[in-house]
Amino acid sequence: MPFIARPMGLMTHQELAHVTAVLENPGLGEESPTTLTLLRACLEHRYRHDVGIGEAAGTAVAGNFEIELGEV
């Protein structure tokens, strides 16, 4: 799962779909489902509320809950 090495702020909707698909794999170890479930929840929240994180801040589409986290 090399996409997990990327910063969460640079992950796209496609990577969210990939995380969701990987979670359906019954052969995951003990810790992987917990980590991937947390990652999925964070990405779903980010896309639901138009949150930009890190280097991706400023790329979110304006919405009711637009929040940007990044270096100033």
N, C-alpha and C. Protein backbone atom coordinates (compact mmCIF):
# COMPACT_ATOMS: atom_id res chain seq x y z
N MET A 1 0.83 -1.19 0.00
CA MET A 1 0.00 0.00 0.00
C MET A 1 0.87 1.25 0.00
N PRO A 2 1.58 1.52 -1.05
CA PRO A 2 2.49 2.67 -1.09
C PRO A 2 1.78 4.02 -1.01
N PHE A 3 0.50 4.10 -1.34
CA PHE A 3 -0.21 5.38 -1.29
C PHE A 3 -0.32 5.90 0.14
N ILE A 4 -0.20 5.03 1.12
CA ILE A 4 -0.30 5.46 2.52
C ILE A 4 0.93 6.26 2.93
N ALA A 5 2.01 6.13 2.21
CA ALA A 5 3.22 6.89 2.51
C ALA A 5 3.07 8.37 2.16
N ARG A 6 2.06 8.70 1.34
CA ARG A 6 1.84 10.10 0.96
C ARG A 6 1.20 10.86 2.12
N PRO A 7 1.46 12.16 2.22
CA PRO A 7 0.78 12.96 3.25
C PRO A 7 -0.73 12.95 3.01
N MET A 8 -1.51 12.87 4.08
CA MET A 8 -2.95 12.81 3.95
C MET A 8 -3.50 14.02 3.20
N GLY A 9 -2.86 15.17 3.36
CA GLY A 9 -3.30 16.38 2.69
C GLY A 9 -3.20 16.32 1.18
N LEU A 10 -2.43 15.38 0.65
CA LEU A 10 -2.27 15.24 -0.79
C LEU A 10 -3.10 14.10 -1.36
N MET A 11 -3.81 13.38 -0.50
CA MET A 11 -4.62 12.26 -0.97
C MET A 11 -5.88 12.78 -1.66
N THR A 12 -6.32 12.02 -2.66
CA THR A 12 -7.46 12.43 -3.46
C THR A 12 -8.66 11.52 -3.18
N HIS A 13 -9.78 11.83 -3.82
CA HIS A 13 -10.97 10.97 -3.72
C HIS A 13 -10.65 9.56 -4.21
N GLN A 14 -9.78 9.45 -5.18
CA GLN A 14 -9.40 8.13 -5.71
C GLN A 14 -8.71 7.30 -4.63
N GLU A 15 -7.87 7.94 -3.86
CA GLU A 15 -7.19 7.22 -2.78
C GLU A 15 -8.16 6.84 -1.67
N LEU A 16 -9.16 7.67 -1.43
CA LEU A 16 -10.21 7.31 -0.48
C LEU A 16 -10.93 6.05 -0.95
N ALA A 17 -11.24 5.98 -2.23
CA ALA A 17 -11.89 4.80 -2.79
C ALA A 17 -10.98 3.57 -2.66
N HIS A 18 -9.68 3.77 -2.84
CA HIS A 18 -8.72 2.67 -2.73
C HIS A 18 -8.67 2.17 -1.28
N VAL A 19 -8.65 3.08 -0.32
CA VAL A 19 -8.63 2.70 1.10
C VAL A 19 -9.88 1.88 1.42
N THR A 20 -11.02 2.33 0.93
CA THR A 20 -12.28 1.62 1.17
C THR A 20 -12.24 0.22 0.57
N ALA A 21 -11.70 0.10 -0.63
CA ALA A 21 -11.60 -1.21 -1.28
C ALA A 21 -10.65 -2.14 -0.52
N VAL A 22 -9.53 -1.60 -0.05
CA VAL A 22 -8.56 -2.43 0.68
C VAL A 22 -9.16 -2.93 1.98
N LEU A 23 -10.00 -2.11 2.62
CA LEU A 23 -10.63 -2.52 3.88
C LEU A 23 -11.53 -3.75 3.71
N GLU A 24 -11.98 -4.01 2.50
CA GLU A 24 -12.84 -5.16 2.25
C GLU A 24 -12.04 -6.46 2.14
N ASN A 25 -10.71 -6.37 2.14
CA ASN A 25 -9.85 -7.54 2.03
C ASN A 25 -9.81 -8.26 3.39
N PRO A 26 -10.29 -9.51 3.44
CA PRO A 26 -10.29 -10.24 4.71
C PRO A 26 -8.91 -10.68 5.17
N GLY A 27 -7.89 -10.54 4.33
CA GLY A 27 -6.55 -10.99 4.68
C GLY A 27 -5.67 -9.95 5.35
N LEU A 28 -6.24 -8.83 5.76
CA LEU A 28 -5.44 -7.79 6.42
C LEU A 28 -4.99 -8.27 7.80
N GLY A 29 -3.86 -7.76 8.26
CA GLY A 29 -3.37 -8.10 9.59
C GLY A 29 -4.25 -7.49 10.68
N GLU A 30 -3.77 -7.53 11.91
CA GLU A 30 -4.55 -7.03 13.04
C GLU A 30 -4.62 -5.52 13.11
N GLU A 31 -3.52 -4.83 12.81
CA GLU A 31 -3.47 -3.38 12.96
C GLU A 31 -3.94 -2.63 11.71
N SER A 32 -3.81 -3.22 10.56
CA SER A 32 -4.16 -2.53 9.31
C SER A 32 -5.60 -2.05 9.26
N PRO A 33 -6.59 -2.88 9.63
CA PRO A 33 -7.97 -2.39 9.56
C PRO A 33 -8.22 -1.17 10.44
N THR A 34 -7.61 -1.13 11.61
CA THR A 34 -7.79 0.01 12.51
C THR A 34 -7.20 1.28 11.89
N THR A 35 -5.99 1.15 11.37
CA THR A 35 -5.32 2.30 10.76
C THR A 35 -6.08 2.78 9.52
N LEU A 36 -6.47 1.84 8.67
CA LEU A 36 -7.19 2.21 7.45
C LEU A 36 -8.57 2.78 7.74
N THR A 37 -9.23 2.27 8.77
CA THR A 37 -10.54 2.82 9.15
C THR A 37 -10.40 4.26 9.62
N LEU A 38 -9.36 4.55 10.38
CA LEU A 38 -9.11 5.92 10.83
C LEU A 38 -8.79 6.82 9.64
N LEU A 39 -7.95 6.35 8.73
CA LEU A 39 -7.61 7.12 7.54
C LEU A 39 -8.87 7.39 6.71
N ARG A 40 -9.70 6.37 6.52
CA ARG A 40 -10.94 6.55 5.75
C ARG A 40 -11.84 7.58 6.42
N ALA A 41 -11.98 7.51 7.74
CA ALA A 41 -12.83 8.46 8.46
C ALA A 41 -12.31 9.89 8.29
N CYS A 42 -11.00 10.07 8.39
CA CYS A 42 -10.40 11.41 8.22
C CYS A 42 -10.63 11.94 6.81
N LEU A 43 -10.41 11.09 5.80
CA LEU A 43 -10.59 11.53 4.42
C LEU A 43 -12.06 11.81 4.12
N GLU A 44 -12.97 10.98 4.63
CA GLU A 44 -14.39 11.23 4.43
C GLU A 44 -14.80 12.55 5.06
N HIS A 45 -14.31 12.81 6.26
CA HIS A 45 -14.61 14.08 6.94
C HIS A 45 -14.05 15.25 6.13
N ARG A 46 -12.84 15.10 5.67
CA ARG A 46 -12.19 16.16 4.89
C ARG A 46 -13.01 16.50 3.65
N TYR A 47 -13.43 15.49 2.90
CA TYR A 47 -14.16 15.75 1.67
C TYR A 47 -15.60 16.17 1.93
N ARG A 48 -16.17 15.74 3.03
CA ARG A 48 -17.53 16.14 3.37
C ARG A 48 -17.59 17.62 3.76
N HIS A 49 -16.51 18.10 4.37
CA HIS A 49 -16.51 19.47 4.88
C HIS A 49 -15.52 20.39 4.18
N ASP A 50 -15.01 19.99 3.02
CA ASP A 50 -14.11 20.82 2.23
C ASP A 50 -12.92 21.33 3.04
N VAL A 51 -12.20 20.42 3.66
CA VAL A 51 -11.04 20.78 4.47
C VAL A 51 -9.78 20.56 3.66
N GLY A 52 -8.92 21.58 3.59
CA GLY A 52 -7.62 21.43 2.94
C GLY A 52 -6.56 21.24 4.01
N ILE A 53 -5.66 20.29 3.84
CA ILE A 53 -4.65 19.99 4.85
C ILE A 53 -3.27 20.11 4.22
N GLY A 54 -2.35 20.78 4.93
CA GLY A 54 -0.96 20.87 4.48
C GLY A 54 -0.82 21.55 3.14
N GLU A 55 -0.03 20.93 2.24
CA GLU A 55 0.25 21.50 0.94
C GLU A 55 -1.00 21.59 0.07
N ALA A 56 -2.01 20.79 0.38
CA ALA A 56 -3.24 20.80 -0.40
C ALA A 56 -4.17 21.93 0.03
N ALA A 57 -3.85 22.64 1.10
CA ALA A 57 -4.69 23.76 1.54
C ALA A 57 -4.80 24.77 0.41
N GLY A 58 -6.00 25.27 0.21
CA GLY A 58 -6.23 26.21 -0.87
C GLY A 58 -6.78 25.56 -2.11
N THR A 59 -6.74 24.22 -2.17
CA THR A 59 -7.26 23.53 -3.34
C THR A 59 -8.68 23.03 -3.13
N ALA A 60 -9.18 23.12 -1.90
CA ALA A 60 -10.54 22.66 -1.63
C ALA A 60 -11.55 23.60 -2.27
N VAL A 61 -12.67 23.05 -2.67
CA VAL A 61 -13.74 23.85 -3.24
C VAL A 61 -14.45 24.55 -2.09
N ALA A 62 -14.81 25.81 -2.27
CA ALA A 62 -15.48 26.56 -1.21
C ALA A 62 -16.77 25.86 -0.81
N GLY A 63 -17.02 25.77 0.49
CA GLY A 63 -18.23 25.14 1.00
C GLY A 63 -18.64 25.80 2.30
N ASN A 64 -19.65 25.26 2.92
CA ASN A 64 -20.15 25.82 4.17
C ASN A 64 -19.15 25.71 5.31
N PHE A 65 -18.26 24.73 5.25
CA PHE A 65 -17.34 24.47 6.35
C PHE A 65 -15.90 24.53 5.87
N GLU A 66 -15.55 25.47 5.04
CA GLU A 66 -14.21 25.51 4.47
C GLU A 66 -13.19 25.83 5.56
N ILE A 67 -12.24 24.93 5.74
CA ILE A 67 -11.18 25.06 6.74
C ILE A 67 -9.88 24.73 6.03
N GLU A 68 -8.84 25.51 6.27
CA GLU A 68 -7.54 25.20 5.70
C GLU A 68 -6.52 25.10 6.82
N LEU A 69 -5.72 24.06 6.78
CA LEU A 69 -4.63 23.88 7.73
C LEU A 69 -3.34 23.86 6.91
N GLY A 70 -2.42 24.69 7.26
CA GLY A 70 -1.16 24.72 6.53
C GLY A 70 -0.21 25.70 7.16
N GLU A 71 0.94 25.82 6.60
CA GLU A 71 1.94 26.73 7.11
C GLU A 71 1.68 28.13 6.59
N VAL A 72 1.85 29.10 7.46
CA VAL A 72 1.65 30.50 7.09
C VAL A 72 2.99 31.17 6.95
